[in-house]
Amino acid sequence: MTRTKLIASVVLLLSGPLGASAQTTQLVLDSQPGDYIGGGIKQTFTLADGNFRAVRNFDRGVSVAFTEPDYTPWWYLDFAAPGGAPLAPGVYEGAVRFPFKDHCSPA
C-alpha cells in the first residue's frame, strides 16, 4: 500500500501574557514528492496572502478555510478526532481523510 503523507499545519498562535509575543496565523502545507494533493512542494500562506476562517464542525472538530481574493489557491481543511472525541492538540498516527477518522488514534 502506498501511503501519501501530507502535513497540513494550521498554526494559530495566540498572544500569551500581555505583550509577551506577537500573534501569527498561517497555513503550512508540506507534501512529499509525487503527492497528488500538495504537488510535492512546500507552501506557506499568511494573512498577507488571503483570508482565514475557522469554525467548529459537526463532529466536535474544526473546519478551516483559506482563500485568496481570486480563489487561486483555496484550501478547505476539516479536522476531527476519532470516536467523536473532542479535537485536541497532538499527533494522530494513521490519520485518514475526514470524515473517515475512526481508523486513527492519538499517539
N, C-alpha and C. Protein backbone atom coordinates (compact mmCIF):
# COMPACT_ATOMS: atom_id res chain seq x y z
N MET A 1 0.84 -1.17 0.00
CA MET A 1 0.00 0.00 0.00
C MET A 1 0.90 1.24 0.00
N THR A 2 0.64 2.15 -0.91
CA THR A 2 1.39 3.40 -0.95
C THR A 2 0.73 4.38 0.01
N ARG A 3 1.54 4.94 0.84
CA ARG A 3 0.99 5.86 1.84
C ARG A 3 1.46 7.27 1.52
N THR A 4 0.53 8.12 1.23
CA THR A 4 0.84 9.50 0.93
C THR A 4 0.75 10.31 2.20
N LYS A 5 1.72 11.14 2.40
CA LYS A 5 1.76 11.93 3.62
C LYS A 5 1.69 13.40 3.23
N LEU A 6 0.67 14.05 3.68
CA LEU A 6 0.53 15.49 3.50
C LEU A 6 0.42 16.09 4.89
N ILE A 7 1.36 16.89 5.21
CA ILE A 7 1.34 17.52 6.52
C ILE A 7 0.71 18.90 6.36
N ALA A 8 -0.42 19.05 6.95
CA ALA A 8 -1.08 20.34 6.94
C ALA A 8 -1.03 20.89 8.35
N SER A 9 -0.40 21.99 8.50
CA SER A 9 -0.24 22.56 9.83
C SER A 9 -0.88 23.93 9.84
N VAL A 10 -1.90 24.03 10.63
CA VAL A 10 -2.56 25.31 10.80
C VAL A 10 -2.06 25.86 12.12
N VAL A 11 -1.35 26.94 12.04
CA VAL A 11 -0.74 27.49 13.23
C VAL A 11 -1.46 28.77 13.62
N LEU A 12 -2.12 28.71 14.73
CA LEU A 12 -2.78 29.90 15.27
C LEU A 12 -2.17 30.13 16.66
N LEU A 13 -1.19 30.98 16.73
CA LEU A 13 -0.53 31.25 17.99
C LEU A 13 -1.14 32.50 18.60
N LEU A 14 -1.81 32.30 19.70
CA LEU A 14 -2.42 33.43 20.38
C LEU A 14 -1.42 34.05 21.33
N SER A 15 -1.54 35.32 21.54
CA SER A 15 -0.64 36.01 22.45
C SER A 15 -0.73 35.41 23.84
N GLY A 16 0.42 35.30 24.46
CA GLY A 16 0.48 34.83 25.83
C GLY A 16 0.14 35.97 26.76
N PRO A 17 0.85 36.10 27.87
CA PRO A 17 0.60 37.23 28.76
C PRO A 17 0.74 38.54 27.98
N LEU A 18 0.04 39.53 28.40
CA LEU A 18 0.00 40.81 27.69
C LEU A 18 1.36 41.24 27.17
N GLY A 19 1.45 41.42 25.87
CA GLY A 19 2.66 41.91 25.24
C GLY A 19 3.80 40.92 25.16
N ALA A 20 3.59 39.66 25.56
CA ALA A 20 4.69 38.69 25.59
C ALA A 20 5.12 38.23 24.21
N SER A 21 4.18 38.13 23.27
CA SER A 21 4.55 37.65 21.94
C SER A 21 3.57 38.18 20.90
N ALA A 22 4.00 38.12 19.65
CA ALA A 22 3.15 38.56 18.55
C ALA A 22 2.18 37.44 18.18
N GLN A 23 1.13 37.77 17.48
CA GLN A 23 0.15 36.78 17.02
C GLN A 23 0.46 36.41 15.58
N THR A 24 0.41 35.10 15.26
CA THR A 24 0.71 34.62 13.92
C THR A 24 -0.40 33.70 13.46
N THR A 25 -0.88 33.88 12.24
CA THR A 25 -1.84 32.98 11.62
C THR A 25 -1.25 32.56 10.29
N GLN A 26 -1.09 31.24 10.09
CA GLN A 26 -0.54 30.76 8.83
C GLN A 26 -0.97 29.34 8.58
N LEU A 27 -0.98 28.97 7.31
CA LEU A 27 -1.25 27.62 6.87
C LEU A 27 0.01 27.14 6.16
N VAL A 28 0.58 26.03 6.63
CA VAL A 28 1.79 25.47 6.04
C VAL A 28 1.44 24.11 5.48
N LEU A 29 1.65 23.92 4.18
CA LEU A 29 1.42 22.64 3.51
C LEU A 29 2.78 22.13 3.05
N ASP A 30 3.17 20.94 3.51
CA ASP A 30 4.46 20.37 3.17
C ASP A 30 4.21 18.96 2.67
N SER A 31 4.24 18.75 1.38
CA SER A 31 3.91 17.43 0.83
C SER A 31 5.14 16.76 0.23
N GLN A 32 5.09 15.45 0.19
CA GLN A 32 6.19 14.66 -0.35
C GLN A 32 6.14 14.64 -1.88
N PRO A 33 7.29 14.41 -2.52
CA PRO A 33 7.31 14.31 -3.99
C PRO A 33 6.30 13.29 -4.49
N GLY A 34 5.58 13.65 -5.53
CA GLY A 34 4.59 12.75 -6.11
C GLY A 34 3.23 12.80 -5.44
N ASP A 35 3.09 13.58 -4.36
CA ASP A 35 1.82 13.67 -3.67
C ASP A 35 0.78 14.37 -4.55
N TYR A 36 -0.39 13.78 -4.68
CA TYR A 36 -1.44 14.30 -5.56
C TYR A 36 -1.97 15.65 -5.07
N ILE A 37 -2.22 15.77 -3.78
CA ILE A 37 -2.85 16.99 -3.25
C ILE A 37 -1.87 18.16 -3.20
N GLY A 38 -0.71 17.96 -2.58
CA GLY A 38 0.23 19.05 -2.38
C GLY A 38 1.23 19.27 -3.48
N GLY A 39 1.29 18.35 -4.45
CA GLY A 39 2.18 18.51 -5.58
C GLY A 39 3.66 18.39 -5.25
N GLY A 40 3.98 17.87 -4.04
CA GLY A 40 5.38 17.68 -3.68
C GLY A 40 6.12 18.95 -3.35
N ILE A 41 5.40 20.02 -3.02
CA ILE A 41 6.06 21.29 -2.70
C ILE A 41 5.62 21.78 -1.32
N LYS A 42 6.40 22.68 -0.77
CA LYS A 42 6.05 23.31 0.49
C LYS A 42 5.45 24.69 0.18
N GLN A 43 4.31 24.97 0.77
CA GLN A 43 3.63 26.24 0.57
C GLN A 43 3.28 26.83 1.93
N THR A 44 3.41 28.13 2.07
CA THR A 44 3.02 28.83 3.29
C THR A 44 2.12 29.99 2.92
N PHE A 45 0.98 30.07 3.60
CA PHE A 45 0.02 31.15 3.37
C PHE A 45 -0.21 31.90 4.68
N THR A 46 -0.24 33.22 4.60
CA THR A 46 -0.47 34.06 5.78
C THR A 46 -1.62 35.01 5.51
N LEU A 47 -1.94 35.84 6.47
CA LEU A 47 -3.00 36.84 6.30
C LEU A 47 -2.66 37.82 5.17
N ALA A 48 -1.39 37.99 4.85
CA ALA A 48 -1.00 38.86 3.74
C ALA A 48 -1.40 38.25 2.40
N ASP A 49 -1.61 36.93 2.37
CA ASP A 49 -1.95 36.24 1.12
C ASP A 49 -3.46 36.09 0.90
N GLY A 50 -4.24 36.08 1.97
CA GLY A 50 -5.67 35.84 1.83
C GLY A 50 -6.38 35.83 3.16
N ASN A 51 -7.55 35.22 3.17
CA ASN A 51 -8.41 35.21 4.36
C ASN A 51 -8.52 33.81 4.95
N PHE A 52 -8.55 33.74 6.28
CA PHE A 52 -8.76 32.50 7.01
C PHE A 52 -10.12 32.55 7.70
N ARG A 53 -10.74 31.39 7.79
CA ARG A 53 -11.99 31.26 8.54
C ARG A 53 -11.95 29.90 9.22
N ALA A 54 -12.22 29.87 10.51
CA ALA A 54 -12.25 28.61 11.25
C ALA A 54 -13.57 28.52 12.01
N VAL A 55 -14.23 27.38 11.89
CA VAL A 55 -15.49 27.14 12.60
C VAL A 55 -15.50 25.72 13.14
N ARG A 56 -16.25 25.52 14.22
CA ARG A 56 -16.42 24.17 14.75
C ARG A 56 -17.27 23.39 13.76
N ASN A 57 -16.86 22.15 13.45
CA ASN A 57 -17.65 21.36 12.52
C ASN A 57 -18.60 20.44 13.30
N PHE A 58 -19.42 19.69 12.58
CA PHE A 58 -20.47 18.90 13.19
C PHE A 58 -19.93 17.77 14.07
N ASP A 59 -18.64 17.45 13.97
CA ASP A 59 -18.12 16.28 14.66
C ASP A 59 -17.13 16.66 15.76
N ARG A 60 -17.37 17.78 16.44
CA ARG A 60 -16.55 18.25 17.55
C ARG A 60 -15.12 18.59 17.12
N GLY A 61 -14.93 18.83 15.85
CA GLY A 61 -13.63 19.21 15.33
C GLY A 61 -13.66 20.64 14.85
N VAL A 62 -12.82 20.94 13.87
CA VAL A 62 -12.76 22.29 13.33
C VAL A 62 -12.60 22.21 11.82
N SER A 63 -13.25 23.13 11.12
CA SER A 63 -13.10 23.29 9.68
C SER A 63 -12.42 24.64 9.44
N VAL A 64 -11.37 24.62 8.63
CA VAL A 64 -10.60 25.82 8.35
C VAL A 64 -10.64 26.08 6.85
N ALA A 65 -10.88 27.31 6.47
CA ALA A 65 -10.87 27.70 5.06
C ALA A 65 -9.82 28.78 4.87
N PHE A 66 -9.08 28.67 3.78
CA PHE A 66 -8.16 29.72 3.37
C PHE A 66 -8.48 30.05 1.92
N THR A 67 -8.67 31.31 1.62
CA THR A 67 -8.92 31.73 0.24
C THR A 67 -8.15 33.00 -0.07
N GLU A 68 -7.58 33.03 -1.27
CA GLU A 68 -7.01 34.27 -1.78
C GLU A 68 -8.17 35.05 -2.40
N PRO A 69 -8.01 36.35 -2.62
CA PRO A 69 -9.10 37.15 -3.17
C PRO A 69 -9.70 36.58 -4.46
N ASP A 70 -8.88 35.97 -5.31
CA ASP A 70 -9.40 35.42 -6.56
C ASP A 70 -9.62 33.90 -6.48
N TYR A 71 -9.55 33.33 -5.25
CA TYR A 71 -9.74 31.90 -5.00
C TYR A 71 -8.70 31.02 -5.71
N THR A 72 -7.52 31.57 -5.99
CA THR A 72 -6.43 30.80 -6.57
C THR A 72 -5.19 31.06 -5.74
N PRO A 73 -4.77 30.25 -4.84
CA PRO A 73 -5.39 28.97 -4.46
C PRO A 73 -6.45 29.15 -3.39
N TRP A 74 -7.08 28.05 -3.07
CA TRP A 74 -8.01 27.99 -1.93
C TRP A 74 -7.87 26.62 -1.29
N TRP A 75 -8.03 26.57 0.01
CA TRP A 75 -7.91 25.32 0.76
C TRP A 75 -9.05 25.22 1.77
N TYR A 76 -9.63 24.05 1.87
CA TYR A 76 -10.62 23.74 2.90
C TYR A 76 -10.11 22.54 3.66
N LEU A 77 -9.92 22.68 4.95
CA LEU A 77 -9.37 21.62 5.78
C LEU A 77 -10.36 21.28 6.88
N ASP A 78 -10.63 20.00 7.07
CA ASP A 78 -11.53 19.54 8.12
C ASP A 78 -10.77 18.61 9.04
N PHE A 79 -10.88 18.86 10.34
CA PHE A 79 -10.20 18.04 11.33
C PHE A 79 -11.20 17.57 12.37
N ALA A 80 -11.08 16.31 12.77
CA ALA A 80 -11.91 15.76 13.85
C ALA A 80 -11.15 14.60 14.47
N ALA A 81 -11.36 14.38 15.75
CA ALA A 81 -10.70 13.27 16.45
C ALA A 81 -11.53 12.00 16.28
N PRO A 82 -10.91 10.84 16.47
CA PRO A 82 -11.65 9.58 16.32
C PRO A 82 -12.69 9.37 17.40
N GLY A 83 -13.73 8.62 17.07
CA GLY A 83 -14.74 8.23 18.05
C GLY A 83 -15.56 9.37 18.63
N GLY A 84 -15.62 10.49 17.97
CA GLY A 84 -16.41 11.62 18.47
C GLY A 84 -15.77 12.35 19.63
N ALA A 85 -14.50 12.05 19.92
CA ALA A 85 -13.80 12.74 20.99
C ALA A 85 -13.52 14.18 20.59
N PRO A 86 -13.38 15.07 21.57
CA PRO A 86 -13.02 16.44 21.22
C PRO A 86 -11.65 16.49 20.56
N LEU A 87 -11.49 17.35 19.59
CA LEU A 87 -10.21 17.52 18.92
C LEU A 87 -9.26 18.22 19.89
N ALA A 88 -8.05 17.70 20.00
CA ALA A 88 -7.06 18.27 20.91
C ALA A 88 -5.72 18.35 20.20
N PRO A 89 -4.85 19.28 20.62
CA PRO A 89 -3.52 19.34 20.01
C PRO A 89 -2.80 18.01 20.21
N GLY A 90 -2.02 17.60 19.23
CA GLY A 90 -1.26 16.38 19.35
C GLY A 90 -0.99 15.76 18.00
N VAL A 91 -0.37 14.59 18.01
CA VAL A 91 -0.06 13.83 16.81
C VAL A 91 -1.07 12.69 16.71
N TYR A 92 -1.68 12.53 15.55
CA TYR A 92 -2.65 11.46 15.32
C TYR A 92 -2.06 10.51 14.28
N GLU A 93 -1.55 9.37 14.76
CA GLU A 93 -0.96 8.37 13.87
C GLU A 93 -2.06 7.71 13.05
N GLY A 94 -1.79 7.44 11.79
CA GLY A 94 -2.75 6.76 10.93
C GLY A 94 -3.95 7.61 10.57
N ALA A 95 -3.81 8.92 10.62
CA ALA A 95 -4.92 9.81 10.30
C ALA A 95 -5.40 9.54 8.87
N VAL A 96 -6.70 9.64 8.67
CA VAL A 96 -7.31 9.42 7.37
C VAL A 96 -8.20 10.58 7.01
N ARG A 97 -8.63 10.59 5.78
CA ARG A 97 -9.47 11.66 5.27
C ARG A 97 -10.76 11.79 6.07
N PHE A 98 -11.07 13.00 6.48
CA PHE A 98 -12.31 13.31 7.19
C PHE A 98 -13.48 13.03 6.25
N PRO A 99 -14.55 12.45 6.64
CA PRO A 99 -14.98 12.08 7.99
C PRO A 99 -14.71 10.62 8.33
N PHE A 100 -13.76 9.97 7.69
CA PHE A 100 -13.48 8.56 7.93
C PHE A 100 -12.44 8.38 9.03
N LYS A 101 -12.52 9.16 10.08
CA LYS A 101 -11.48 9.26 11.09
C LYS A 101 -11.45 8.17 12.12
N ASP A 102 -12.42 7.31 12.21
CA ASP A 102 -12.46 6.29 13.25
C ASP A 102 -11.32 5.28 13.13
N HIS A 103 -10.50 5.39 12.08
CA HIS A 103 -9.42 4.45 11.87
C HIS A 103 -8.09 4.96 12.40
N CYS A 104 -8.08 6.07 13.13
CA CYS A 104 -6.82 6.58 13.68
C CYS A 104 -6.96 6.75 15.18
N SER A 105 -5.84 6.87 15.85
CA SER A 105 -5.87 7.08 17.29
C SER A 105 -4.78 8.05 17.67
N PRO A 106 -5.01 8.82 18.75
CA PRO A 106 -3.96 9.75 19.19
C PRO A 106 -2.71 8.99 19.58
N ALA A 107 -1.55 9.57 19.29
CA ALA A 107 -0.28 8.92 19.64
C ALA A 107 0.06 9.21 21.09
